[in-house]
Amino acid sequence: MKSYKLIVVLFFPITIIGFGQNSDLGLFLGTSYYLGELNPSTPILNKVNPSLGVFYRKNISKRYALRVGVNYLKLAAADKNRSTELSQFRQLSFTANLWEAYGILEFNFIPYQINNYTTSPFSPYVFIGLAGFLVSPNVDGPITDIVKEDVVAPSIPFGLGVKFDFSGNLGLAIEWGMRKTFTDQIEGLPETYVHGYQLSNSQNNDWYSTVGLTLNYKFLTKSDYCRGPVN
């Protein structure tokens, strides 16, 4: 129920943006990783996992676009992949299923729209926005009194990428994005001291990230049929 309400709330802007001209639907396929107590450094080397999603984009102009979407991420990390004294003592690991709904604003550095001969066939871009996520962590290790609890929280997604014309009305992009969260509970560790070691530091909030490819289809407009410029 929590995830359903989250998706409904964050997808409400679609009813305002509306389907129609200069818009496209797409898929995201990539990898995800987490930054937190169990992975404070070398994030890409500590259990990279798959992620996927769907999105809708409204191209406001050749420079700006609004995008809303839903992603599923698998997150994981383990103390055994690190050699610090704390990691060797804890010997904890976690896995988590994370559902994310987001809305972002994209800016193209070069005027770009899919299959529009008046614009560049590619463009680097940046994005920033607002997201909400539901994460269900599962902690495994010698410390057995950790209570499993789902977490719903907001985050700020931001990142960069490069868009390309792929084939006809299909577009392709390579994208990297980070999520700044406002919780320290993505991995589910409590603020508990065990033999003088603190399992979780609430002063350092967790992060998560995605890297991958997007493939999207542009809906044809009257100006596309007439080979005229797209506004």
Protein backbone atom coordinates (compact mmCIF):
# COMPACT_ATOMS: atom_id res chain seq x y z
CA MET A 1 0.00 0.00 0.00
CA LYS A 2 2.85 2.39 0.79
CA SER A 3 4.46 1.85 -2.62
CA TYR A 4 1.09 2.28 -4.38
CA LYS A 5 0.44 5.64 -2.72
CA LEU A 6 3.99 6.77 -3.47
CA ILE A 7 3.64 6.03 -7.18
CA VAL A 8 0.20 7.70 -7.39
CA VAL A 9 1.43 10.90 -5.72
CA LEU A 10 4.56 11.26 -7.83
CA PHE A 11 2.83 10.34 -11.08
CA PHE A 12 0.07 12.92 -10.58
CA PRO A 13 2.08 15.48 -12.66
CA ILE A 14 1.42 13.31 -15.75
CA THR A 15 -2.20 14.45 -15.67
CA ILE A 16 -0.95 18.04 -15.76
CA ILE A 17 1.79 17.52 -18.37
CA GLY A 18 -0.48 15.36 -20.55
CA PHE A 19 0.32 12.94 -23.32
CA GLY A 20 0.60 14.44 -26.77
CA GLN A 21 2.99 16.26 -29.01
CA ASN A 22 6.74 16.23 -28.44
CA SER A 23 6.63 13.39 -25.93
CA ASP A 24 8.08 9.91 -25.66
CA LEU A 25 7.94 6.71 -23.63
CA GLY A 26 11.04 4.82 -22.61
CA LEU A 27 12.76 2.02 -20.71
CA PHE A 28 15.77 2.18 -18.43
CA LEU A 29 18.14 -0.75 -17.94
CA GLY A 30 21.31 -0.52 -15.90
CA THR A 31 23.05 -1.13 -12.60
CA SER A 32 22.65 0.28 -9.11
CA TYR A 33 24.79 0.67 -6.03
CA TYR A 34 24.61 2.11 -2.54
CA LEU A 35 26.74 4.37 -0.33
CA GLY A 36 26.44 4.09 3.44
CA GLU A 37 27.79 2.35 6.53
CA LEU A 38 28.40 -0.94 4.71
CA ASN A 39 29.91 0.77 1.66
CA PRO A 40 31.52 4.14 2.49
CA SER A 41 34.11 3.91 -0.32
CA THR A 42 34.85 2.18 -3.66
CA PRO A 43 31.10 1.94 -4.32
CA ILE A 44 31.21 0.30 -7.73
CA LEU A 45 33.29 -2.61 -6.40
CA ASN A 46 30.94 -3.59 -3.57
CA LYS A 47 28.08 -5.66 -5.02
CA VAL A 48 26.77 -3.84 -8.09
CA ASN A 49 23.22 -5.00 -8.92
CA PRO A 50 20.70 -4.61 -11.74
CA SER A 51 18.10 -1.87 -12.03
CA LEU A 52 15.30 -1.18 -14.50
CA GLY A 53 12.50 1.27 -15.03
CA VAL A 54 9.94 2.94 -17.28
CA PHE A 55 9.42 6.65 -17.91
CA TYR A 56 7.43 9.30 -19.77
CA ARG A 57 9.11 12.44 -21.09
CA LYS A 58 7.47 15.69 -22.18
CA ASN A 59 9.80 17.73 -24.41
CA ILE A 60 9.01 21.34 -23.53
CA SER A 61 11.51 22.65 -26.08
CA LYS A 62 14.71 21.57 -27.81
CA ARG A 63 16.60 22.37 -24.61
CA TYR A 64 14.24 21.39 -21.76
CA ALA A 65 12.20 18.30 -20.95
CA LEU A 66 10.16 17.04 -18.00
CA ARG A 67 10.44 13.35 -17.15
CA VAL A 68 8.53 11.14 -14.71
CA GLY A 69 9.18 7.48 -14.10
CA VAL A 70 9.34 4.44 -11.84
CA ASN A 71 12.52 2.44 -11.18
CA TYR A 72 13.22 -0.84 -9.44
CA LEU A 73 16.69 -1.19 -7.89
CA LYS A 74 18.44 -4.07 -6.17
CA LEU A 75 20.91 -2.80 -3.57
CA ALA A 76 23.50 -4.76 -1.61
CA ALA A 77 26.83 -4.46 0.20
CA ALA A 78 28.95 -6.54 2.56
CA ASP A 79 31.55 -5.89 5.25
CA LYS A 80 33.65 -8.78 3.95
CA ASN A 81 34.54 -6.68 0.90
CA ARG A 82 36.31 -4.13 3.13
CA SER A 83 39.33 -4.50 5.41
CA THR A 84 38.68 -1.90 8.14
CA GLU A 85 38.62 -2.92 11.81
CA LEU A 86 34.91 -2.08 12.12
CA SER A 87 33.99 -4.06 9.01
CA GLN A 88 35.92 -7.11 10.16
CA PHE A 89 34.19 -6.94 13.54
CA ARG A 90 30.63 -6.49 12.22
CA GLN A 91 30.74 -9.00 9.35
CA LEU A 92 27.32 -7.79 8.22
CA SER A 93 25.79 -7.73 4.78
CA PHE A 94 22.49 -6.51 3.40
CA THR A 95 20.26 -6.76 0.37
CA ALA A 96 17.32 -4.51 -0.39
CA ASN A 97 14.56 -4.08 -2.93
CA LEU A 98 13.96 -0.40 -3.68
CA TRP A 99 11.07 1.10 -5.63
CA GLU A 100 11.46 4.69 -6.74
CA ALA A 101 9.06 7.17 -8.35
CA TYR A 102 10.51 10.45 -9.60
CA GLY A 103 9.98 13.66 -11.51
CA ILE A 104 12.97 15.51 -13.01
CA LEU A 105 13.83 18.45 -15.25
CA GLU A 106 16.36 17.76 -18.03
CA PHE A 107 18.51 20.37 -19.78
CA ASN A 108 20.14 19.61 -23.16
CA PHE A 109 23.42 21.45 -23.78
CA ILE A 110 22.77 21.23 -27.56
CA PRO A 111 19.29 21.71 -29.11
CA TYR A 112 18.00 18.15 -29.48
CA GLN A 113 14.85 16.16 -30.22
CA ILE A 114 14.55 12.64 -31.56
CA ASN A 115 14.35 12.38 -35.38
CA ASN A 116 14.20 16.17 -35.85
CA TYR A 117 16.46 17.23 -38.70
CA THR A 118 16.54 20.83 -37.43
CA THR A 119 18.41 19.76 -34.26
CA SER A 120 21.62 17.93 -33.40
CA PRO A 121 21.50 14.09 -33.54
CA PHE A 122 23.01 13.99 -30.03
CA SER A 123 23.39 16.12 -26.93
CA PRO A 124 24.92 15.88 -23.45
CA TYR A 125 22.41 16.72 -20.73
CA VAL A 126 22.01 17.17 -16.99
CA PHE A 127 18.98 16.63 -14.75
CA ILE A 128 17.69 17.33 -11.26
CA GLY A 129 14.37 16.71 -9.55
CA LEU A 130 12.46 15.11 -6.69
CA ALA A 131 11.80 11.45 -5.92
CA GLY A 132 10.28 9.23 -3.29
CA PHE A 133 11.27 5.65 -2.57
CA LEU A 134 10.24 2.56 -0.64
CA VAL A 135 13.09 0.28 0.45
CA SER A 136 12.88 -3.11 2.16
CA PRO A 137 16.30 -4.01 3.64
CA ASN A 138 17.33 -7.43 4.87
CA VAL A 139 20.45 -7.56 7.10
CA ASP A 140 22.41 -10.77 7.53
CA GLY A 141 25.26 -11.52 9.95
CA PRO A 142 26.22 -12.52 13.50
CA ILE A 143 24.22 -9.71 15.11
CA THR A 144 20.73 -11.22 15.20
CA ASP A 145 18.64 -8.60 17.04
CA ILE A 146 18.27 -6.25 14.05
CA VAL A 147 14.58 -5.67 13.26
CA LYS A 148 13.59 -5.61 9.58
CA GLU A 149 11.60 -2.48 8.75
CA ASP A 150 10.50 -0.91 5.45
CA VAL A 151 11.43 2.74 4.92
CA VAL A 152 9.60 5.36 2.84
CA ALA A 153 11.56 8.58 2.27
CA PRO A 154 12.22 11.38 -0.25
CA SER A 155 15.39 11.86 -2.27
CA ILE A 156 16.88 14.36 -4.71
CA PRO A 157 17.93 12.75 -8.00
CA PHE A 158 20.56 14.48 -10.14
CA GLY A 159 23.02 13.43 -12.80
CA LEU A 160 24.14 13.64 -16.40
CA GLY A 161 24.16 11.71 -19.65
CA VAL A 162 24.33 11.83 -23.43
CA LYS A 163 21.31 11.42 -25.75
CA PHE A 164 21.51 10.02 -29.30
CA ASP A 165 19.23 9.46 -32.25
CA PHE A 166 19.18 5.66 -32.52
CA SER A 167 16.87 4.63 -35.36
CA GLY A 168 13.84 6.46 -36.74
CA ASN A 169 11.76 7.59 -33.78
CA LEU A 170 13.90 5.68 -31.28
CA GLY A 171 16.34 7.51 -29.02
CA LEU A 172 19.16 6.11 -26.91
CA ALA A 173 20.94 7.63 -23.90
CA ILE A 174 23.76 6.74 -21.54
CA GLU A 175 22.98 8.07 -18.06
CA TRP A 176 24.49 8.26 -14.57
CA GLY A 177 22.46 9.52 -11.64
CA MET A 178 22.90 9.96 -7.89
CA ARG A 179 20.19 10.18 -5.22
CA LYS A 180 20.72 12.26 -2.11
CA THR A 181 18.49 10.81 0.58
CA PHE A 182 17.41 12.10 3.97
CA THR A 183 17.59 8.80 5.83
CA ASP A 184 20.31 6.55 7.22
CA GLN A 185 18.14 3.44 7.09
CA ILE A 186 18.52 2.13 3.52
CA GLU A 187 20.62 -0.81 4.78
CA GLY A 188 18.48 -1.24 7.90
CA LEU A 189 21.22 -0.86 10.54
CA PRO A 190 20.11 0.55 13.92
CA GLU A 191 22.01 3.17 15.94
CA THR A 192 23.22 0.45 18.31
CA TYR A 193 26.55 0.01 20.05
CA VAL A 194 27.97 -3.54 20.19
CA HIS A 195 31.20 -4.01 22.14
CA GLY A 196 31.98 -0.30 21.75
CA TYR A 197 31.25 -0.18 17.99
CA GLN A 198 28.37 1.88 16.62
CA LEU A 199 26.58 -0.03 13.87
CA SER A 200 25.05 3.04 12.22
CA ASN A 201 25.83 6.76 12.30
CA SER A 202 22.65 8.80 11.81
CA GLN A 203 24.72 11.91 11.01
CA ASN A 204 25.69 10.40 7.64
CA ASN A 205 22.68 9.79 5.40
CA ASP A 206 22.78 7.05 2.77
CA TRP A 207 22.96 7.54 -0.99
CA TYR A 208 22.14 5.32 -3.95
CA SER A 209 22.92 5.56 -7.63
CA THR A 210 22.11 4.19 -11.07
CA VAL A 211 24.18 3.85 -14.25
CA GLY A 212 22.67 2.57 -17.46
CA LEU A 213 20.99 2.99 -20.83
CA THR A 214 17.60 4.42 -21.76
CA LEU A 215 15.72 3.51 -24.93
CA ASN A 216 12.71 5.63 -25.78
CA TYR A 217 10.14 6.08 -28.55
CA LYS A 218 9.00 9.51 -29.72
CA PHE A 219 5.34 10.03 -30.65
CA LEU A 220 5.01 11.52 -34.13
CA THR A 221 3.58 15.03 -34.48
CA LYS A 222 2.04 16.85 -37.43
CA SER A 223 5.27 18.80 -37.89
CA ASP A 224 7.19 15.51 -38.05
CA TYR A 225 4.99 14.28 -40.88
CA CYS A 226 5.48 17.58 -42.69
CA ARG A 227 9.24 17.56 -42.00
CA GLY A 228 8.89 20.95 -40.37
CA PRO A 229 10.68 22.24 -37.25
CA VAL A 230 9.68 21.04 -33.82
CA ASN A 231 9.12 23.80 -31.27
